[in-house]
PDB file of N, CA and C in Angstrom:
ATOM      1  N   MET A   1       3.205   0.726  32.785  1.00  0.00           N
ATOM      2  CA  MET A   1       3.347  -0.205  31.507  1.00  0.00           C
ATOM      3  C   MET A   1       4.390   0.122  30.533  1.00  0.00           C
ATOM      4  N   THR A   2       5.409  -0.621  30.252  1.00  0.00           N
ATOM      5  CA  THR A   2       6.354  -0.262  29.481  1.00  0.00           C
ATOM      6  C   THR A   2       5.822   0.043  27.945  1.00  0.00           C
ATOM      7  N   THR A   3       6.510   0.818  27.022  1.00  0.00           N
ATOM      8  CA  THR A   3       6.191   0.766  25.595  1.00  0.00           C
ATOM      9  C   THR A   3       5.838  -0.444  25.048  1.00  0.00           C
ATOM     10  N   HIS A   4       6.699  -1.370  25.217  1.00  0.00           N
ATOM     11  CA  HIS A   4       6.658  -2.768  24.777  1.00  0.00           C
ATOM     12  C   HIS A   4       5.324  -3.393  25.319  1.00  0.00           C
ATOM     13  N   GLU A   5       4.895  -3.086  26.482  1.00  0.00           N
ATOM     14  CA  GLU A   5       3.597  -3.734  26.820  1.00  0.00           C
ATOM     15  C   GLU A   5       2.504  -2.928  26.291  1.00  0.00           C
ATOM     16  N   ARG A   6       2.583  -1.700  26.028  1.00  0.00           N
ATOM     17  CA  ARG A   6       1.624  -0.957  25.422  1.00  0.00           C
ATOM     18  C   ARG A   6       1.411  -1.469  24.256  1.00  0.00           C
ATOM     19  N   LEU A   7       2.403  -1.490  23.449  1.00  0.00           N
ATOM     20  CA  LEU A   7       2.224  -2.168  21.982  1.00  0.00           C
ATOM     21  C   LEU A   7       1.591  -3.306  21.904  1.00  0.00           C
ATOM     22  N   GLN A   8       1.955  -4.363  22.690  1.00  0.00           N
ATOM     23  CA  GLN A   8       1.347  -5.561  22.819  1.00  0.00           C
ATOM     24  C   GLN A   8      -0.032  -5.317  22.817  1.00  0.00           C
ATOM     25  N   ALA A   9      -0.598  -4.600  23.841  1.00  0.00           N
ATOM     26  CA  ALA A   9      -1.962  -4.372  24.117  1.00  0.00           C
ATOM     27  C   ALA A   9      -2.618  -3.612  23.132  1.00  0.00           C
ATOM     28  N   PHE A  10      -2.049  -2.691  22.311  1.00  0.00           N
ATOM     29  CA  PHE A  10      -2.331  -2.166  21.125  1.00  0.00           C
ATOM     30  C   PHE A  10      -2.938  -3.075  20.059  1.00  0.00           C
ATOM     31  N   PHE A  11      -1.873  -3.985  20.074  1.00  0.00           N
ATOM     32  CA  PHE A  11      -2.086  -5.174  18.779  1.00  0.00           C
ATOM     33  C   PHE A  11      -3.180  -6.022  19.285  1.00  0.00           C
ATOM     34  N   GLU A  12      -3.310  -6.338  20.522  1.00  0.00           N
ATOM     35  CA  GLU A  12      -4.442  -7.171  21.003  1.00  0.00           C
ATOM     36  C   GLU A  12      -5.914  -6.571  20.826  1.00  0.00           C
ATOM     37  N   ALA A  13      -5.790  -5.081  21.129  1.00  0.00           N
ATOM     38  CA  ALA A  13      -7.117  -4.161  20.670  1.00  0.00           C
ATOM     39  C   ALA A  13      -7.498  -4.219  19.285  1.00  0.00           C
ATOM     40  N   GLU A  14      -6.347  -4.233  18.358  1.00  0.00           N
ATOM     41  CA  GLU A  14      -6.686  -4.313  16.872  1.00  0.00           C
ATOM     42  C   GLU A  14      -7.173  -5.546  16.622  1.00  0.00           C
ATOM     43  N   ASN A  15      -6.707  -6.566  17.109  1.00  0.00           N
ATOM     44  CA  ASN A  15      -7.051  -7.876  16.553  1.00  0.00           C
ATOM     45  C   ASN A  15      -8.533  -8.315  17.055  1.00  0.00           C
ATOM     46  N   ALA A  16      -8.899  -7.609  18.085  1.00  0.00           N
ATOM     47  CA  ALA A  16     -10.231  -7.756  18.957  1.00  0.00           C
ATOM     48  C   ALA A  16     -11.187  -6.765  18.176  1.00  0.00           C
ATOM     49  N   ARG A  17     -10.851  -5.955  17.419  1.00  0.00           N
ATOM     50  CA  ARG A  17     -11.507  -4.648  16.853  1.00  0.00           C
ATOM     51  C   ARG A  17     -12.135  -3.891  17.805  1.00  0.00           C
ATOM     52  N   ASP A  18     -11.426  -3.768  19.195  1.00  0.00           N
ATOM     53  CA  ASP A  18     -11.681  -3.036  20.260  1.00  0.00           C
ATOM     54  C   ASP A  18     -11.351  -1.475  19.948  1.00  0.00           C
ATOM     55  N   PHE A  19     -12.017  -0.834  19.219  1.00  0.00           N
ATOM     56  CA  PHE A  19     -11.416   0.475  18.621  1.00  0.00           C
ATOM     57  C   PHE A  19     -11.463   1.563  19.817  1.00  0.00           C
ATOM     58  N   GLU A  20     -12.434   1.337  20.842  1.00  0.00           N
ATOM     59  CA  GLU A  20     -12.396   2.243  22.087  1.00  0.00           C
ATOM     60  C   GLU A  20     -11.026   2.182  22.841  1.00  0.00           C
ATOM     61  N   ALA A  21     -10.564   0.980  22.964  1.00  0.00           N
ATOM     62  CA  ALA A  21      -9.406   0.953  23.603  1.00  0.00           C
ATOM     63  C   ALA A  21      -8.151   0.914  22.878  1.00  0.00           C
ATOM     64  N   TYR A  22      -8.042   0.756  21.499  1.00  0.00           N
ATOM     65  CA  TYR A  22      -7.307   0.889  20.686  1.00  0.00           C
ATOM     66  C   TYR A  22      -7.105   2.369  20.597  1.00  0.00           C
ATOM     67  N   ARG A  23      -7.876   3.411  20.639  1.00  0.00           N
ATOM     68  CA  ARG A  23      -7.708   4.717  20.682  1.00  0.00           C
ATOM     69  C   ARG A  23      -6.841   5.346  21.872  1.00  0.00           C
ATOM     70  N   MET A  24      -6.946   4.344  23.032  1.00  0.00           N
ATOM     71  CA  MET A  24      -6.373   5.028  24.161  1.00  0.00           C
ATOM     72  C   MET A  24      -4.667   5.192  23.895  1.00  0.00           C
ATOM     73  N   PHE A  25      -4.280   4.310  22.965  1.00  0.00           N
ATOM     74  CA  PHE A  25      -2.847   4.309  22.781  1.00  0.00           C
ATOM     75  C   PHE A  25      -2.063   5.175  21.912  1.00  0.00           C
ATOM     76  N   LEU A  26      -3.271   6.024  21.096  1.00  0.00           N
ATOM     77  CA  LEU A  26      -2.626   6.974  20.198  1.00  0.00           C
ATOM     78  C   LEU A  26      -2.697   8.268  20.528  1.00  0.00           C
ATOM     79  N   HIS A  27      -1.503   9.170  20.413  1.00  0.00           N
ATOM     80  CA  HIS A  27      -1.298  10.419  20.517  1.00  0.00           C
ATOM     81  C   HIS A  27      -2.399  11.095  19.937  1.00  0.00           C
ATOM     82  N   PRO A  28      -2.870  12.156  20.259  1.00  0.00           N
ATOM     83  CA  PRO A  28      -4.030  13.246  19.411  1.00  0.00           C
ATOM     84  C   PRO A  28      -3.412  13.362  17.970  1.00  0.00           C
ATOM     85  N   ASP A  29      -1.955  13.793  18.034  1.00  0.00           N
ATOM     86  CA  ASP A  29      -1.517  14.328  16.686  1.00  0.00           C
ATOM     87  C   ASP A  29      -0.696  13.064  16.227  1.00  0.00           C
ATOM     88  N   VAL A  30      -1.034  11.790  16.440  1.00  0.00           N
ATOM     89  CA  VAL A  30      -0.380  10.562  15.755  1.00  0.00           C
ATOM     90  C   VAL A  30      -0.418  10.891  14.225  1.00  0.00           C
ATOM     91  N   VAL A  31       0.775  10.316  13.520  1.00  0.00           N
ATOM     92  CA  VAL A  31       1.002  10.439  12.224  1.00  0.00           C
ATOM     93  C   VAL A  31       1.243   8.858  11.758  1.00  0.00           C
ATOM     94  N   TRP A  32       0.204   8.469  10.568  1.00  0.00           N
ATOM     95  CA  TRP A  32       0.715   7.218  10.188  1.00  0.00           C
ATOM     96  C   TRP A  32       1.094   7.208   8.899  1.00  0.00           C
ATOM     97  N   ARG A  33       2.052   6.802   8.389  1.00  0.00           N
ATOM     98  CA  ARG A  33       2.733   6.597   7.097  1.00  0.00           C
ATOM     99  C   ARG A  33       2.572   5.395   6.597  1.00  0.00           C
ATOM    100  N   LEU A  34       1.891   5.155   5.579  1.00  0.00           N
ATOM    101  CA  LEU A  34       1.671   3.606   5.058  1.00  0.00           C
ATOM    102  C   LEU A  34       2.141   3.746   3.702  1.00  0.00           C
ATOM    103  N   PHE A  35       3.185   2.722   3.517  1.00  0.00           N
ATOM    104  CA  PHE A  35       3.893   2.554   2.248  1.00  0.00           C
ATOM    105  C   PHE A  35       3.602   1.133   1.803  1.00  0.00           C
ATOM    106  N   GLY A  36       2.575   1.146   0.704  1.00  0.00           N
ATOM    107  CA  GLY A  36       2.262   0.034   0.214  1.00  0.00           C
ATOM    108  C   GLY A  36       2.008   0.083  -1.476  1.00  0.00           C
ATOM    109  N   SER A  37       1.187  -0.115  -2.296  1.00  0.00           N
ATOM    110  CA  SER A  37       1.250  -0.147  -3.466  1.00  0.00           C
ATOM    111  C   SER A  37       0.951   1.443  -3.769  1.00  0.00           C
ATOM    112  N   GLU A  38       0.663   2.183  -2.859  1.00  0.00           N
ATOM    113  CA  GLU A  38       0.727   3.936  -2.790  1.00  0.00           C
ATOM    114  C   GLU A  38       1.152   4.159  -1.434  1.00  0.00           C
ATOM    115  N   THR A  39       1.639   5.470  -1.354  1.00  0.00           N
ATOM    116  CA  THR A  39       2.098   6.033  -0.111  1.00  0.00           C
ATOM    117  C   THR A  39       0.754   6.791   0.533  1.00  0.00           C
ATOM    118  N   LYS A  40       0.401   6.542   1.741  1.00  0.00           N
ATOM    119  CA  LYS A  40      -0.676   7.229   2.437  1.00  0.00           C
ATOM    120  C   LYS A  40      -0.164   7.851   3.665  1.00  0.00           C
ATOM    121  N   THR A  41      -0.888   8.917   4.097  1.00  0.00           N
ATOM    122  CA  THR A  41      -0.343   9.550   5.298  1.00  0.00           C
ATOM    123  C   THR A  41      -1.691   9.992   6.197  1.00  0.00           C
ATOM    124  N   MET A  42      -2.023   9.447   7.280  1.00  0.00           N
ATOM    125  CA  MET A  42      -3.106   9.614   7.923  1.00  0.00           C
ATOM    126  C   MET A  42      -2.540  10.645   9.096  1.00  0.00           C
ATOM    127  N   THR A  43      -3.106  11.619   9.473  1.00  0.00           N
ATOM    128  CA  THR A  43      -2.785  12.650  10.499  1.00  0.00           C
ATOM    129  C   THR A  43      -3.946  12.748  11.456  1.00  0.00           C
ATOM    130  N   GLY A  44      -3.418  12.659  12.723  1.00  0.00           N
ATOM    131  CA  GLY A  44      -4.334  12.670  13.905  1.00  0.00           C
ATOM    132  C   GLY A  44      -5.107  11.348  14.218  1.00  0.00           C
ATOM    133  N   ALA A  45      -5.352  11.372  15.474  1.00  0.00           N
ATOM    134  CA  ALA A  45      -6.207  10.226  15.976  1.00  0.00           C
ATOM    135  C   ALA A  45      -7.519   9.701  15.312  1.00  0.00           C
ATOM    136  N   GLU A  46      -8.129  10.660  14.913  1.00  0.00           N
ATOM    137  CA  GLU A  46      -9.584  10.423  14.492  1.00  0.00           C
ATOM    138  C   GLU A  46      -9.328   9.839  12.729  1.00  0.00           C
ATOM    139  N   GLU A  47      -8.436  10.670  12.211  1.00  0.00           N
ATOM    140  CA  GLU A  47      -8.213  10.025  10.825  1.00  0.00           C
ATOM    141  C   GLU A  47      -7.619   8.694  10.928  1.00  0.00           C
ATOM    142  N   TYR A  48      -6.564   8.476  11.818  1.00  0.00           N
ATOM    143  CA  TYR A  48      -6.041   6.973  11.804  1.00  0.00           C
ATOM    144  C   TYR A  48      -7.081   5.981  12.034  1.00  0.00           C
ATOM    145  N   LEU A  49      -7.936   6.461  13.058  1.00  0.00           N
ATOM    146  CA  LEU A  49      -9.193   5.412  13.402  1.00  0.00           C
ATOM    147  C   LEU A  49     -10.131   5.320  12.303  1.00  0.00           C
ATOM    148  N   ARG A  50     -10.484   6.371  11.586  1.00  0.00           N
ATOM    149  CA  ARG A  50     -11.168   6.005  10.290  1.00  0.00           C
ATOM    150  C   ARG A  50     -10.641   5.082   9.460  1.00  0.00           C
ATOM    151  N   ALA A  51      -9.200   5.213   9.132  1.00  0.00           N
ATOM    152  CA  ALA A  51      -8.448   4.484   8.210  1.00  0.00           C
ATOM    153  C   ALA A  51      -8.472   3.049   8.702  1.00  0.00           C
ATOM    154  N   ILE A  52      -8.275   2.946   9.816  1.00  0.00           N
ATOM    155  CA  ILE A  52      -7.854   1.464  10.355  1.00  0.00           C
ATOM    156  C   ILE A  52      -9.442   0.702  10.369  1.00  0.00           C
ATOM    157  N   ARG A  53     -10.499   1.702  10.766  1.00  0.00           N
ATOM    158  CA  ARG A  53     -11.972   0.915  10.699  1.00  0.00           C
ATOM    159  C   ARG A  53     -12.188   0.548   9.029  1.00  0.00           C
ATOM    160  N   GLN A  54     -11.912   1.346   8.300  1.00  0.00           N
ATOM    161  CA  GLN A  54     -12.110   0.979   6.952  1.00  0.00           C
ATOM    162  C   GLN A  54     -11.290  -0.252   6.453  1.00  0.00           C
ATOM    163  N   ALA A  55      -9.846  -0.381   7.004  1.00  0.00           N
ATOM    164  CA  ALA A  55      -9.250  -1.266   6.530  1.00  0.00           C
ATOM    165  C   ALA A  55      -9.826  -2.695   7.075  1.00  0.00           C
ATOM    166  N   TYR A  56     -10.546  -2.497   8.211  1.00  0.00           N
ATOM    167  CA  TYR A  56     -11.070  -3.899   8.764  1.00  0.00           C
ATOM    168  C   TYR A  56     -12.486  -4.227   8.241  1.00  0.00           C
ATOM    169  N   ARG A  57     -13.008  -3.374   7.723  1.00  0.00           N
ATOM    170  CA  ARG A  57     -14.359  -3.401   7.169  1.00  0.00           C
ATOM    171  C   ARG A  57     -14.784  -4.904   6.577  1.00  0.00           C
ATOM    172  N   ASP A  58     -15.622  -5.693   7.271  1.00  0.00           N
ATOM    173  CA  ASP A  58     -16.136  -6.960   6.447  1.00  0.00           C
ATOM    174  C   ASP A  58     -14.852  -7.900   6.322  1.00  0.00           C
ATOM    175  N   SER A  59     -13.697  -7.738   7.302  1.00  0.00           N
ATOM    176  CA  SER A  59     -12.603  -8.496   7.515  1.00  0.00           C
ATOM    177  C   SER A  59     -12.552  -9.226   8.819  1.00  0.00           C
ATOM    178  N   GLU A  60     -12.013 -10.587   8.766  1.00  0.00           N
ATOM    179  CA  GLU A  60     -11.910 -11.231   9.949  1.00  0.00           C
ATOM    180  C   GLU A  60     -10.276 -11.337  10.242  1.00  0.00           C
ATOM    181  N   VAL A  61      -9.233 -10.851   9.360  1.00  0.00           N
ATOM    182  CA  VAL A  61      -8.062 -11.019   9.192  1.00  0.00           C
ATOM    183  C   VAL A  61      -7.448 -10.445  10.805  1.00  0.00           C
ATOM    184  N   ARG A  62      -6.441 -11.470  10.998  1.00  0.00           N
ATOM    185  CA  ARG A  62      -5.784 -11.222  12.382  1.00  0.00           C
ATOM    186  C   ARG A  62      -4.386 -11.059  12.060  1.00  0.00           C
ATOM    187  N   PHE A  63      -3.576 -10.829  13.004  1.00  0.00           N
ATOM    188  CA  PHE A  63      -2.079 -10.677  12.560  1.00  0.00           C
ATOM    189  C   PHE A  63      -1.221 -11.052  13.756  1.00  0.00           C
ATOM    190  N   THR A  64      -0.037 -11.622  13.687  1.00  0.00           N
ATOM    191  CA  THR A  64       0.787 -11.686  14.794  1.00  0.00           C
ATOM    192  C   THR A  64       2.087 -10.863  14.631  1.00  0.00           C
ATOM    193  N   CYS A  65       2.581 -10.671  15.655  1.00  0.00           N
ATOM    194  CA  CYS A  65       4.122  -9.891  15.899  1.00  0.00           C
ATOM    195  C   CYS A  65       4.998 -11.023  15.705  1.00  0.00           C
ATOM    196  N   GLU A  66       5.962 -11.123  14.788  1.00  0.00           N
ATOM    197  CA  GLU A  66       6.845 -12.092  14.731  1.00  0.00           C
ATOM    198  C   GLU A  66       8.121 -11.616  15.489  1.00  0.00           C
ATOM    199  N   LYS A  67       8.099 -10.375  15.385  1.00  0.00           N
ATOM    200  CA  LYS A  67       9.551  -9.860  16.085  1.00  0.00           C
ATOM    201  C   LYS A  67       9.516  -8.542  16.513  1.00  0.00           C
ATOM    202  N   MET A  68      10.183  -8.051  17.307  1.00  0.00           N
ATOM    203  CA  MET A  68      10.055  -6.833  18.264  1.00  0.00           C
ATOM    204  C   MET A  68      11.337  -6.299  18.761  1.00  0.00           C
ATOM    205  N   LEU A  69      11.693  -5.170  18.264  1.00  0.00           N
ATOM    206  CA  LEU A  69      13.072  -4.614  18.668  1.00  0.00           C
ATOM    207  C   LEU A  69      12.670  -3.335  19.223  1.00  0.00           C
ATOM    208  N   VAL A  70      13.262  -2.919  20.622  1.00  0.00           N
ATOM    209  CA  VAL A  70      12.768  -1.891  21.221  1.00  0.00           C
ATOM    210  C   VAL A  70      14.085  -1.122  21.487  1.00  0.00           C
ATOM    211  N   SER A  71      14.058   0.113  21.129  1.00  0.00           N
ATOM    212  CA  SER A  71      15.329   0.964  21.540  1.00  0.00           C
ATOM    213  C   SER A  71      15.450   1.021  22.967  1.00  0.00           C
ATOM    214  N   GLU A  72      16.805   1.078  23.307  1.00  0.00           N
ATOM    215  CA  GLU A  72      17.466   1.368  24.766  1.00  0.00           C
ATOM    216  C   GLU A  72      16.249   2.105  25.652  1.00  0.00           C
ATOM    217  N   ASP A  73      15.805   3.387  25.231  1.00  0.00           N
ATOM    218  CA  ASP A  73      14.967   4.238  25.911  1.00  0.00           C
ATOM    219  C   ASP A  73      13.426   3.953  25.799  1.00  0.00           C
ATOM    220  N   GLY A  74      13.073   2.773  25.033  1.00  0.00           N
ATOM    221  CA  GLY A  74      11.798   2.403  24.558  1.00  0.00           C
ATOM    222  C   GLY A  74      11.117   3.438  23.978  1.00  0.00           C
ATOM    223  N   SER A  75      11.364   4.317  23.362  1.00  0.00           N
ATOM    224  CA  SER A  75      10.774   5.444  22.496  1.00  0.00           C
ATOM    225  C   SER A  75      10.585   4.972  21.113  1.00  0.00           C
ATOM    226  N   ARG A  76      11.385   3.955  20.589  1.00  0.00           N
ATOM    227  CA  ARG A  76      11.048   3.544  19.232  1.00  0.00           C
ATOM    228  C   ARG A  76      11.055   2.062  19.450  1.00  0.00           C
ATOM    229  N   ILE A  77      10.078   1.423  18.621  1.00  0.00           N
ATOM    230  CA  ILE A  77       9.849   0.144  18.575  1.00  0.00           C
ATOM    231  C   ILE A  77       9.641  -0.359  16.960  1.00  0.00           C
ATOM    232  N   VAL A  78      10.432  -1.317  16.721  1.00  0.00           N
ATOM    233  CA  VAL A  78      10.339  -1.976  15.295  1.00  0.00           C
ATOM    234  C   VAL A  78       9.920  -3.269  15.359  1.00  0.00           C
ATOM    235  N   THR A  79       8.965  -3.688  14.358  1.00  0.00           N
ATOM    236  CA  THR A  79       8.046  -4.900  14.558  1.00  0.00           C
ATOM    237  C   THR A  79       8.056  -5.488  13.229  1.00  0.00           C
ATOM    238  N   LEU A  80       8.072  -6.774  13.144  1.00  0.00           N
ATOM    239  CA  LEU A  80       7.694  -7.511  11.715  1.00  0.00           C
ATOM    240  C   LEU A  80       6.329  -8.344  11.925  1.00  0.00           C
ATOM    241  N   LEU A  81       5.516  -7.898  11.425  1.00  0.00           N
ATOM    242  CA  LEU A  81       4.065  -8.375  11.585  1.00  0.00           C
ATOM    243  C   LEU A  81       3.825  -9.472  10.354  1.00  0.00           C
ATOM    244  N   ARG A  82       2.674 -10.279  10.654  1.00  0.00           N
ATOM    245  CA  ARG A  82       2.289 -11.032   9.511  1.00  0.00           C
ATOM    246  C   ARG A  82       0.891 -11.554   9.840  1.00  0.00           C
ATOM    247  N   ASN A  83      -0.160 -11.300   8.713  1.00  0.00           N
ATOM    248  CA  ASN A  83      -1.523 -11.394   8.928  1.00  0.00           C
ATOM    249  C   ASN A  83      -1.665 -12.828   8.440  1.00  0.00           C
ATOM    250  N   ASP A  84      -2.869 -13.338   8.793  1.00  0.00           N
ATOM    251  CA  ASP A  84      -3.314 -14.759   8.654  1.00  0.00           C
ATOM    252  C   ASP A  84      -3.262 -15.091   7.148  1.00  0.00           C
ATOM    253  N   ALA A  85      -3.114 -14.153   6.063  1.00  0.00           N
ATOM    254  CA  ALA A  85      -2.908 -14.469   4.572  1.00  0.00           C
ATOM    255  C   ALA A  85      -1.460 -14.622   4.212  1.00  0.00           C
ATOM    256  N   GLY A  86      -0.679 -14.324   5.271  1.00  0.00           N
ATOM    257  CA  GLY A  86       0.844 -14.468   5.082  1.00  0.00           C
ATOM    258  C   GLY A  86       1.394 -12.911   4.654  1.00  0.00           C
ATOM    259  N   VAL A  87       0.639 -11.964   4.501  1.00  0.00           N
ATOM    260  CA  VAL A  87       1.112 -10.626   3.993  1.00  0.00           C
ATOM    261  C   VAL A  87       1.932 -10.222   5.139  1.00  0.00           C
ATOM    262  N   ARG A  88       3.115  -9.605   5.243  1.00  0.00           N
ATOM    263  CA  ARG A  88       3.816  -9.155   6.048  1.00  0.00           C
ATOM    264  C   ARG A  88       4.179  -7.642   6.081  1.00  0.00           C
ATOM    265  N   SER A  89       4.552  -6.955   7.246  1.00  0.00           N
ATOM    266  CA  SER A  89       4.670  -5.573   7.143  1.00  0.00           C
ATOM    267  C   SER A  89       5.848  -5.399   8.177  1.00  0.00           C
ATOM    268  N   LEU A  90       6.615  -4.236   8.054  1.00  0.00           N
ATOM    269  CA  LEU A  90       7.594  -3.985   8.791  1.00  0.00           C
ATOM    270  C   LEU A  90       7.130  -2.472   9.449  1.00  0.00           C
ATOM    271  N   ASP A  91       6.891  -2.423  10.787  1.00  0.00           N
ATOM    272  CA  ASP A  91       6.332  -1.270  11.200  1.00  0.00           C
ATOM    273  C   ASP A  91       7.287  -0.572  12.169  1.00  0.00           C
ATOM    274  N   VAL A  92       7.406   0.772  12.143  1.00  0.00           N
ATOM    275  CA  VAL A  92       8.154   1.496  13.230  1.00  0.00           C
ATOM    276  C   VAL A  92       7.275   2.354  14.038  1.00  0.00           C
ATOM    277  N   PHE A  93       7.485   2.182  15.180  1.00  0.00           N
ATOM    278  CA  PHE A  93       6.446   3.117  16.170  1.00  0.00           C
ATOM    279  C   PHE A  93       7.283   3.855  17.070  1.00  0.00           C
ATOM    280  N   ASP A  94       6.949   5.233  16.805  1.00  0.00           N
ATOM    281  CA  ASP A  94       7.531   6.107  17.874  1.00  0.00           C
ATOM    282  C   ASP A  94       6.495   6.430  19.122  1.00  0.00           C
ATOM    283  N   PHE A  95       7.028   6.619  20.392  1.00  0.00           N
ATOM    284  CA  PHE A  95       6.211   6.998  21.447  1.00  0.00           C
ATOM    285  C   PHE A  95       6.629   8.290  21.912  1.00  0.00           C
ATOM    286  N   CYS A  96       5.570   9.037  22.328  1.00  0.00           N
ATOM    287  CA  CYS A  96       5.831  10.158  23.255  1.00  0.00           C
ATOM    288  C   CYS A  96       4.828  10.195  24.221  1.00  0.00           C
ATOM    289  N   GLU A  97       5.315  10.280  25.575  1.00  0.00           N
ATOM    290  CA  GLU A  97       4.460  10.264  26.772  1.00  0.00           C
ATOM    291  C   GLU A  97       3.790   8.993  26.861  1.00  0.00           C
ATOM    292  N   GLY A  98       4.262   7.926  26.397  1.00  0.00           N
ATOM    293  CA  GLY A  98       3.701   6.519  26.534  1.00  0.00           C
ATOM    294  C   GLY A  98       2.684   6.305  25.358  1.00  0.00           C
ATOM    295  N   LEU A  99       2.496   7.321  24.439  1.00  0.00           N
ATOM    296  CA  LEU A  99       1.475   7.177  23.342  1.00  0.00           C
ATOM    297  C   LEU A  99       2.199   7.032  21.933  1.00  0.00           C
ATOM    298  N   ILE A 100       1.461   6.657  20.933  1.00  0.00           N
ATOM    299  CA  ILE A 100       2.289   6.170  19.684  1.00  0.00           C
ATOM    300  C   ILE A 100       1.844   7.594  18.999  1.00  0.00           C
ATOM    301  N   VAL A 101       2.976   8.136  18.569  1.00  0.00           N
ATOM    302  CA  VAL A 101       3.174   9.636  17.856  1.00  0.00           C
ATOM    303  C   VAL A 101       3.122   9.503  16.501  1.00  0.00           C
ATOM    304  N   ARG A 102       4.038   8.248  15.983  1.00  0.00           N
ATOM    305  CA  ARG A 102       4.275   8.073  14.689  1.00  0.00           C
ATOM    306  C   ARG A 102       4.352   6.639  14.527  1.00  0.00           C
ATOM    307  N   GLU A 103       3.832   6.190  13.397  1.00  0.00           N
ATOM    308  CA  GLU A 103       4.039   4.847  12.712  1.00  0.00           C
ATOM    309  C   GLU A 103       4.261   4.986  11.220  1.00  0.00           C
ATOM    310  N   TYR A 104       5.246   4.151  10.860  1.00  0.00           N
ATOM    311  CA  TYR A 104       5.785   3.875   9.672  1.00  0.00           C
ATOM    312  C   TYR A 104       5.494   2.555   9.209  1.00  0.00           C
ATOM    313  N   GLU A 105       4.560   2.464   8.157  1.00  0.00           N
ATOM    314  CA  GLU A 105       4.513   0.890   7.951  1.00  0.00           C
ATOM    315  C   GLU A 105       4.754   0.640   6.718  1.00  0.00           C
ATOM    316  N   PHE A 106       5.553  -0.616   6.429  1.00  0.00           N
ATOM    317  CA  PHE A 106       5.972  -0.845   5.195  1.00  0.00           C
ATOM    318  C   PHE A 106       5.591  -2.076   4.747  1.00  0.00           C
ATOM    319  N   ILE A 107       4.253  -2.201   3.911  1.00  0.00           N
ATOM    320  CA  ILE A 107       4.053  -3.569   3.398  1.00  0.00           C
ATOM    321  C   ILE A 107       5.090  -4.152   2.532  1.00  0.00           C
ATOM    322  N   LEU A 108       5.227  -5.537   3.069  1.00  0.00           N
ATOM    323  CA  LEU A 108       6.342  -6.295   2.317  1.00  0.00           C
ATOM    324  C   LEU A 108       5.574  -7.388   1.329  1.00  0.00           C
ATOM    325  N   GLY A 109       4.425  -7.546   1.603  1.00  0.00           N
ATOM    326  CA  GLY A 109       3.744  -8.371   0.750  1.00  0.00           C
ATOM    327  C   GLY A 109       3.681  -9.818   1.445  1.00  0.00           C
ATOM    328  N   ALA A 110       3.268 -10.988   0.343  1.00  0.00           N
ATOM    329  CA  ALA A 110       3.117 -12.440   1.203  1.00  0.00           C
ATOM    330  C   ALA A 110       4.573 -13.012   1.107  1.00  0.00           C
ATOM    331  N   GLU A 111       4.676 -13.621   2.264  1.00  0.00           N
ATOM    332  CA  GLU A 111       5.995 -14.278   2.656  1.00  0.00           C
ATOM    333  C   GLU A 111       6.206 -15.161   1.497  1.00  0.00           C
ATOM    334  N   PRO A 112       7.487 -15.324   0.809  1.00  0.00           N
ATOM    335  CA  PRO A 112       7.816 -16.234  -0.369  1.00  0.00           C
ATOM    336  C   PRO A 112       7.609 -17.837   0.003  1.00  0.00           C
ATOM    337  N   LYS A 113       7.080 -18.501  -0.848  1.00  0.00           N
ATOM    338  CA  LYS A 113       7.026 -19.969  -0.500  1.00  0.00           C
ATOM    339  C   LYS A 113       8.456 -20.756  -0.611  1.00  0.00           C
ATOM    340  N   ALA A 114       8.682 -21.563   0.447  1.00  0.00           N
ATOM    341  CA  ALA A 114      10.045 -22.336   0.187  1.00  0.00           C
ATOM    342  C   ALA A 114       9.882 -23.257  -0.845  1.00  0.00           C
TER     343      ALA A 114
END
């Protein structure tokens, strides 16, 4: 499975709230830096999972990947994501041994109205 395919499966698990499957894509030492109204850093798979479960608590929000750019060697993928509410984020994923080892997520806010 390529990193591109792994990331798509990771997104599917997140939208399905299948956190057991989701966990399988994370390196034990993963670091997730979230840049929104404040900057947060989650370190390690368990802290990452706690944060994502909290983010989706009582929420049915789903997202789609609008754009995905993959580095030549597949070790870095940049995505543009949009959720049901129109909120967008730019996410950079780094892979090590086929697992997500780093994620930088930049919340862009709602898509401007035309």
